[in-house]
């Protein structure tokens, strides 16, 4: 039998990451007043997974091998994501982001808030400069829908903290809006720029959303069980703030079934030692096997994402494996 022809990959994750970081370094984030612009450069320089721009490039590579053409618009998804983090950290009173002080801790809340506003404006400015004119109207429409969803999801998340009747279905819809729609848009953006048909781009958006829900479920798990040395945020923050995560909602459901109130008692406390609360709630989760249940749910979303990807017809079939491997890394990450 003849030897199978070796296919040389057109996409290198390492090369893509290097191209993205170089572009980020060259972003024009200078201006006056200095303290307005400095937080933008600061948060963009803290690194992170660069998951969203990488998804743009991976989506692009499914239809066009010249993925470097999509680096500039890909970066804009990262700028928008970091804008949401600036505001999110203020709302959550988070002291640490990626192992470093959050912008509002390093400067102050008002400065971080205004810098976040500027980042959103920069998002639109850089999009208008990076996206081909014949695709701008469509992409802008899709991005606006995504951005509205992110804001809606964040508001739901905050409202859930003071509600005792949050349903699991509501929570899943909230994380779809707050987290997953941006991952879906990132894949969709790359596909559109690469020349995908509208229905193909829409299918990739759904693949990204499914993986995004799985990603957030994993983030909820890591918030409780990650190694504090590598996590980059304080472990147990969701417990301290009574975030209605999948873990907490499942635990509350199980407590209700057994007519116990230990978790609800901790939620109701207004004064407590943070370490004591995190330890007690984590032990309760362990006793109720909550981690395994959350991981099962997370895996269901990732598996559905993989199935949809396997069934997707694209121009460069070999590139699907790069995307699938990338999503698997997201699923298996420990920070």
Protein backbone atom coordinates (compact mmCIF):
# COMPACT_ATOMS: atom_id res chain seq x y z
CA UNK A 1 0.00 0.00 0.00
CA UNK A 2 1.29 3.50 -0.79
CA UNK A 3 2.37 5.59 2.13
CA UNK A 4 -0.12 8.15 3.28
CA UNK A 5 0.87 11.68 2.33
CA UNK A 6 1.97 13.69 5.34
CA UNK A 7 -0.14 16.78 5.86
CA UNK A 8 1.82 19.76 7.10
CA UNK A 9 -0.34 21.78 9.51
CA UNK A 10 -1.03 25.34 8.52
CA UNK A 11 -1.76 26.44 12.07
CA UNK A 12 0.76 26.50 14.90
CA UNK A 13 -0.61 27.33 18.33
CA UNK A 14 2.79 28.52 19.50
CA UNK A 15 3.21 30.74 16.46
CA UNK A 16 -0.32 32.09 16.88
CA UNK A 17 0.27 32.94 20.54
CA UNK A 18 3.50 34.74 19.63
CA UNK A 19 1.73 36.74 16.90
CA UNK A 20 -1.03 37.75 19.32
CA UNK A 21 1.39 38.83 22.06
CA UNK A 22 3.42 40.88 19.58
CA UNK A 23 0.28 42.63 18.38
CA UNK A 24 -0.82 43.35 21.96
CA UNK A 25 2.58 44.90 22.72
CA UNK A 26 2.14 47.20 19.75
CA UNK A 27 -1.36 48.38 20.66
CA UNK A 28 -1.47 52.12 21.08
CA UNK A 29 -2.56 52.41 24.70
CA UNK A 30 -0.75 55.67 25.45
CA UNK A 31 -2.47 58.96 26.10
CA UNK A 32 -3.23 61.63 28.67
CA UNK A 33 -4.26 61.69 31.45
CA UNK A 34 -1.72 58.90 32.02
CA UNK A 35 -3.78 57.23 34.76
CA UNK A 36 -6.69 56.81 32.35
CA UNK A 37 -4.61 54.83 29.84
CA UNK A 38 -2.18 53.05 32.18
CA UNK A 39 -4.72 50.49 33.52
CA UNK A 40 -5.44 49.39 29.93
CA UNK A 41 -1.81 48.62 29.24
CA UNK A 42 -1.53 47.05 32.69
CA UNK A 43 -4.36 44.54 32.37
CA UNK A 44 -3.48 43.67 28.78
CA UNK A 45 0.10 42.96 29.86
CA UNK A 46 -0.89 40.52 32.60
CA UNK A 47 -1.16 37.69 30.09
CA UNK A 48 -3.94 35.16 30.48
CA UNK A 49 -5.02 32.32 28.25
CA UNK A 50 -5.72 34.54 25.20
CA UNK A 51 -8.45 31.99 24.59
CA UNK A 52 -10.82 34.25 22.68
CA UNK A 53 -8.37 35.60 20.09
CA UNK A 54 -6.97 32.10 19.65
CA UNK A 55 -10.48 30.87 18.91
CA UNK A 56 -10.79 33.60 16.26
CA UNK A 57 -7.62 32.37 14.59
CA UNK A 58 -8.66 28.73 14.87
CA UNK A 59 -12.05 29.53 13.36
CA UNK A 60 -10.37 31.43 10.54
CA UNK A 61 -7.94 28.57 9.84
CA UNK A 62 -10.84 26.21 9.13
CA UNK A 63 -11.54 28.14 5.93
CA UNK A 64 -8.34 30.02 5.05
CA UNK A 65 -4.75 28.99 5.77
CA UNK A 66 -3.53 32.60 6.01
CA UNK A 67 -4.65 32.93 9.63
CA UNK A 68 -2.27 35.84 10.31
CA UNK A 69 -4.74 38.03 8.40
CA UNK A 70 -7.08 37.67 11.37
CA UNK A 71 -4.65 38.64 14.16
CA UNK A 72 -5.74 42.30 14.36
CA UNK A 73 -9.51 41.62 14.65
CA UNK A 74 -8.78 38.68 16.96
CA UNK A 75 -7.05 40.98 19.44
CA UNK A 76 -10.19 43.10 19.70
CA UNK A 77 -12.03 40.18 21.35
CA UNK A 78 -9.28 40.15 23.98
CA UNK A 79 -9.59 43.90 24.52
CA UNK A 80 -13.33 43.55 25.03
CA UNK A 81 -12.84 40.60 27.38
CA UNK A 82 -10.37 42.57 29.50
CA UNK A 83 -12.77 45.52 29.60
CA UNK A 84 -15.34 43.22 31.19
CA UNK A 85 -12.71 42.04 33.70
CA UNK A 86 -11.93 45.59 34.81
CA UNK A 87 -15.59 46.19 35.62
CA UNK A 88 -16.19 42.66 36.92
CA UNK A 89 -13.34 42.95 39.42
CA UNK A 90 -14.82 46.18 40.78
CA UNK A 91 -18.27 44.60 41.16
CA UNK A 92 -16.79 41.53 42.87
CA UNK A 93 -14.34 43.58 44.94
CA UNK A 94 -11.67 41.16 43.70
CA UNK A 95 -8.15 41.88 44.97
CA UNK A 96 -6.22 39.66 42.53
CA UNK A 97 -6.32 39.08 38.77
CA UNK A 98 -3.84 36.68 37.12
CA UNK A 99 -1.76 36.66 40.27
CA UNK A 100 -1.40 40.47 40.38
CA UNK A 101 -3.36 43.29 42.04
CA UNK A 102 -6.53 44.20 40.17
CA UNK A 103 -6.65 47.60 38.45
CA UNK A 104 -8.95 49.14 41.06
CA UNK A 105 -6.55 48.00 43.81
CA UNK A 106 -3.51 49.38 41.99
CA UNK A 107 -5.20 52.69 41.15
CA UNK A 108 -8.74 53.19 42.49
CA UNK A 109 -12.29 52.20 41.58
CA UNK A 110 -13.16 55.36 39.67
CA UNK A 111 -10.02 55.21 37.54
CA UNK A 112 -10.52 51.51 36.79
CA UNK A 113 -14.16 52.14 35.90
CA UNK A 114 -13.33 54.95 33.50
CA UNK A 115 -10.44 52.99 31.96
CA UNK A 116 -12.87 50.15 31.37
CA UNK A 117 -15.20 52.54 29.58
CA UNK A 118 -12.31 53.67 27.39
CA UNK A 119 -11.43 50.05 26.61
CA UNK A 120 -14.95 49.48 25.32
CA UNK A 121 -14.65 52.53 23.07
CA UNK A 122 -11.25 51.25 21.89
CA UNK A 123 -12.91 47.93 21.08
CA UNK A 124 -15.14 49.62 18.52
CA UNK A 125 -12.33 51.81 17.22
CA UNK A 126 -9.97 48.90 16.65
CA UNK A 127 -12.75 46.76 15.17
CA UNK A 128 -13.49 49.49 12.61
CA UNK A 129 -9.80 49.57 11.67
CA UNK A 130 -9.28 45.79 11.51
CA UNK A 131 -12.38 44.36 9.83
CA UNK A 132 -12.84 44.48 6.03
CA UNK A 133 -15.50 47.02 5.06
CA UNK A 134 -17.64 44.43 3.23
CA UNK A 135 -18.01 42.38 6.44
CA UNK A 136 -18.09 45.16 9.01
CA UNK A 137 -21.87 45.68 9.20
CA UNK A 138 -22.56 41.97 9.80
CA UNK A 139 -19.77 41.55 12.34
CA UNK A 140 -20.77 44.72 14.19
CA UNK A 141 -24.35 43.45 14.44
CA UNK A 142 -23.18 40.09 15.80
CA UNK A 143 -20.74 41.71 18.22
CA UNK A 144 -23.38 44.10 19.58
CA UNK A 145 -25.68 41.16 20.28
CA UNK A 146 -22.82 39.36 22.02
CA UNK A 147 -21.83 42.41 24.09
CA UNK A 148 -25.42 42.99 25.23
CA UNK A 149 -25.61 39.35 26.28
CA UNK A 150 -22.45 39.69 28.36
CA UNK A 151 -23.93 42.67 30.21
CA UNK A 152 -27.22 40.84 30.76
CA UNK A 153 -25.35 37.83 32.11
CA UNK A 154 -23.35 39.96 34.53
CA UNK A 155 -26.52 41.59 35.87
CA UNK A 156 -28.18 38.20 36.36
CA UNK A 157 -25.05 37.00 38.18
CA UNK A 158 -25.22 39.92 40.61
CA UNK A 159 -28.96 39.54 41.16
CA UNK A 160 -28.57 35.84 41.91
CA UNK A 161 -26.37 36.64 44.94
CA UNK A 162 -29.37 37.98 46.86
CA UNK A 163 -31.89 35.41 45.59
CA UNK A 164 -32.64 32.11 47.30
CA UNK A 165 -34.79 30.71 44.50
CA UNK A 166 -32.29 30.55 41.61
CA UNK A 167 -32.94 27.52 39.41
CA UNK A 168 -30.16 25.55 37.76
CA UNK A 169 -31.65 26.35 34.34
CA UNK A 170 -31.40 30.07 35.15
CA UNK A 171 -27.79 29.66 36.17
CA UNK A 172 -26.89 27.85 32.94
CA UNK A 173 -28.54 30.62 30.92
CA UNK A 174 -26.65 33.23 32.94
CA UNK A 175 -23.22 31.70 32.25
CA UNK A 176 -24.17 31.26 28.61
CA UNK A 177 -24.66 35.02 28.42
CA UNK A 178 -21.87 36.16 30.71
CA UNK A 179 -19.13 33.86 29.43
CA UNK A 180 -20.08 31.53 26.60
CA UNK A 181 -21.49 33.93 24.01
CA UNK A 182 -18.11 35.67 23.66
CA UNK A 183 -16.39 32.35 22.99
CA UNK A 184 -19.08 31.57 20.45
CA UNK A 185 -18.69 34.97 18.82
CA UNK A 186 -14.90 34.51 18.65
CA UNK A 187 -15.21 31.31 16.63
CA UNK A 188 -17.94 32.85 14.51
CA UNK A 189 -15.84 35.96 13.84
CA UNK A 190 -12.90 33.89 12.68
CA UNK A 191 -15.08 31.78 10.42
CA UNK A 192 -16.73 34.83 8.79
CA UNK A 193 -13.37 36.48 8.19
CA UNK A 194 -12.07 33.23 6.73
CA UNK A 195 -14.90 33.00 4.22
CA UNK A 196 -17.31 30.57 5.87
CA UNK A 197 -20.93 30.45 4.76
CA UNK A 198 -23.39 32.04 7.24
CA UNK A 199 -24.78 28.70 8.42
CA UNK A 200 -21.24 27.36 8.97
CA UNK A 201 -20.31 30.41 11.04
CA UNK A 202 -23.51 29.97 13.06
CA UNK A 203 -22.66 26.32 13.72
CA UNK A 204 -19.24 27.34 15.00
CA UNK A 205 -20.87 29.93 17.25
CA UNK A 206 -22.93 27.13 18.81
CA UNK A 207 -19.80 24.98 19.22
CA UNK A 208 -18.12 27.86 21.02
CA UNK A 209 -21.12 28.48 23.25
CA UNK A 210 -21.30 24.84 24.33
CA UNK A 211 -17.59 24.81 25.11
CA UNK A 212 -17.99 28.17 26.85
CA UNK A 213 -20.62 26.81 29.23
CA UNK A 214 -18.33 23.88 29.94
CA UNK A 215 -15.46 26.33 30.49
CA UNK A 216 -17.43 28.33 33.08
CA UNK A 217 -18.56 25.18 34.89
CA UNK A 218 -14.89 24.21 35.07
CA UNK A 219 -14.05 27.68 36.38
CA UNK A 220 -16.63 27.22 39.13
CA UNK A 221 -14.99 23.93 40.09
CA UNK A 222 -11.50 25.44 40.07
CA UNK A 223 -12.69 28.34 42.23
CA UNK A 224 -13.20 25.79 45.00
CA UNK A 225 -10.61 23.11 44.25
CA UNK A 226 -7.71 24.77 42.36
CA UNK A 227 -4.19 25.05 43.72
CA UNK A 228 -3.97 28.61 45.15
CA UNK A 229 -0.35 28.85 43.96
CA UNK A 230 -1.30 28.48 40.29
CA UNK A 231 -4.93 29.64 40.08
CA UNK A 232 -4.21 33.37 39.76
CA UNK A 233 -7.28 34.36 41.79
CA UNK A 234 -8.24 33.74 45.38
CA UNK A 235 -9.60 30.22 45.80
CA UNK A 236 -13.03 30.16 47.43
CA UNK A 237 -14.04 33.61 46.25
CA UNK A 238 -17.38 32.34 44.93
CA UNK A 239 -18.17 30.74 48.29
CA UNK A 240 -17.28 33.91 50.19
CA UNK A 241 -19.51 36.03 47.96
CA UNK A 242 -22.44 33.55 47.90
CA UNK A 243 -22.14 33.20 44.12
CA UNK A 244 -24.91 30.94 42.87
CA UNK A 245 -22.58 28.59 41.01
CA UNK A 246 -23.59 25.18 39.73
CA UNK A 247 -21.85 23.64 42.74
CA UNK A 248 -23.78 25.75 45.23
CA UNK A 249 -27.14 25.21 43.52
CA UNK A 250 -26.68 21.44 43.38
CA UNK A 251 -25.63 21.41 47.03
CA UNK A 252 -28.67 23.49 48.04
CA UNK A 253 -30.90 21.10 46.09
CA UNK A 254 -29.40 18.09 47.87
CA UNK A 255 -29.69 19.75 51.27
CA UNK A 256 -33.35 20.46 50.60
CA UNK A 257 -33.93 16.80 49.77
CA UNK A 258 -32.34 15.73 53.07
CA UNK A 259 -33.93 18.60 55.03
CA UNK A 260 -30.57 20.03 56.08
CA UNK A 261 -29.67 23.72 56.23
CA UNK A 262 -25.91 23.93 56.81
CA UNK A 263 -25.12 25.60 53.49
CA UNK A 264 -28.09 27.96 53.72
CA UNK A 265 -26.96 28.96 57.20
CA UNK A 266 -23.56 29.94 55.85
CA UNK A 267 -25.21 31.89 53.02
CA UNK A 268 -27.38 33.77 55.52
CA UNK A 269 -24.45 34.85 57.73
CA UNK A 270 -23.47 38.50 57.36
CA UNK A 271 -20.40 38.24 59.60
CA UNK A 272 -17.97 35.34 59.27
CA UNK A 273 -14.35 34.35 58.97
CA UNK A 274 -13.68 33.86 55.24
CA UNK A 275 -11.28 30.94 55.65
CA UNK A 276 -13.66 29.19 58.02
CA UNK A 277 -16.58 29.61 55.63
CA UNK A 278 -14.63 28.37 52.60
CA UNK A 279 -13.37 25.34 54.54
CA UNK A 280 -16.82 24.46 55.90
CA UNK A 281 -18.63 24.81 52.57
CA UNK A 282 -15.92 22.88 50.73
CA UNK A 283 -16.25 20.03 53.22
CA UNK A 284 -19.99 20.09 52.70
CA UNK A 285 -19.46 19.86 48.92
CA UNK A 286 -17.15 16.90 49.47
CA UNK A 287 -19.70 15.10 51.64
CA UNK A 288 -22.39 15.61 48.99
CA UNK A 289 -20.13 14.54 46.07
CA UNK A 290 -20.71 17.92 44.43
CA UNK A 291 -17.43 18.08 42.54
CA UNK A 292 -18.15 14.86 40.64
CA UNK A 293 -21.64 16.06 39.72
CA UNK A 294 -20.29 19.39 38.46
CA UNK A 295 -17.57 17.67 36.43
CA UNK A 296 -20.16 15.38 34.88
CA UNK A 297 -22.21 18.37 33.77
CA UNK A 298 -19.13 20.16 32.47
CA UNK A 299 -18.09 17.13 30.42
CA UNK A 300 -21.56 16.87 28.89
CA UNK A 301 -21.23 20.35 27.39
CA UNK A 302 -17.73 19.75 26.07
CA UNK A 303 -18.73 16.41 24.54
CA UNK A 304 -21.68 18.02 22.77
CA UNK A 305 -19.31 20.69 21.47
CA UNK A 306 -16.95 18.01 20.12
CA UNK A 307 -19.81 16.12 18.47
CA UNK A 308 -21.00 19.24 16.68
CA UNK A 309 -17.44 19.99 15.58
CA UNK A 310 -16.98 16.45 14.23
CA UNK A 311 -20.14 16.88 12.16
CA UNK A 312 -19.10 20.27 10.79
CA UNK A 313 -17.94 20.40 7.18
CA UNK A 314 -15.10 22.87 6.64
CA UNK A 315 -12.64 23.72 3.89
CA UNK A 316 -9.57 22.55 5.85
CA UNK A 317 -10.67 19.35 7.62
CA UNK A 318 -7.27 18.77 9.25
CA UNK A 319 -7.62 22.08 11.10
CA UNK A 320 -10.62 20.75 13.02
CA UNK A 321 -8.23 18.62 15.07
CA UNK A 322 -6.30 21.73 16.13
CA UNK A 323 -9.53 23.32 17.32
CA UNK A 324 -10.66 20.14 19.07
CA UNK A 325 -7.31 19.76 20.82
CA UNK A 326 -7.47 23.37 21.94
CA UNK A 327 -10.94 22.89 23.42
CA UNK A 328 -9.72 19.74 25.16
CA UNK A 329 -6.90 21.73 26.76
CA UNK A 330 -9.50 24.16 28.05
CA UNK A 331 -11.48 21.25 29.48
CA UNK A 332 -8.44 19.78 31.23
CA UNK A 333 -6.83 22.97 32.51
CA UNK A 334 -5.99 23.37 36.18
CA UNK A 335 -5.84 27.17 36.34
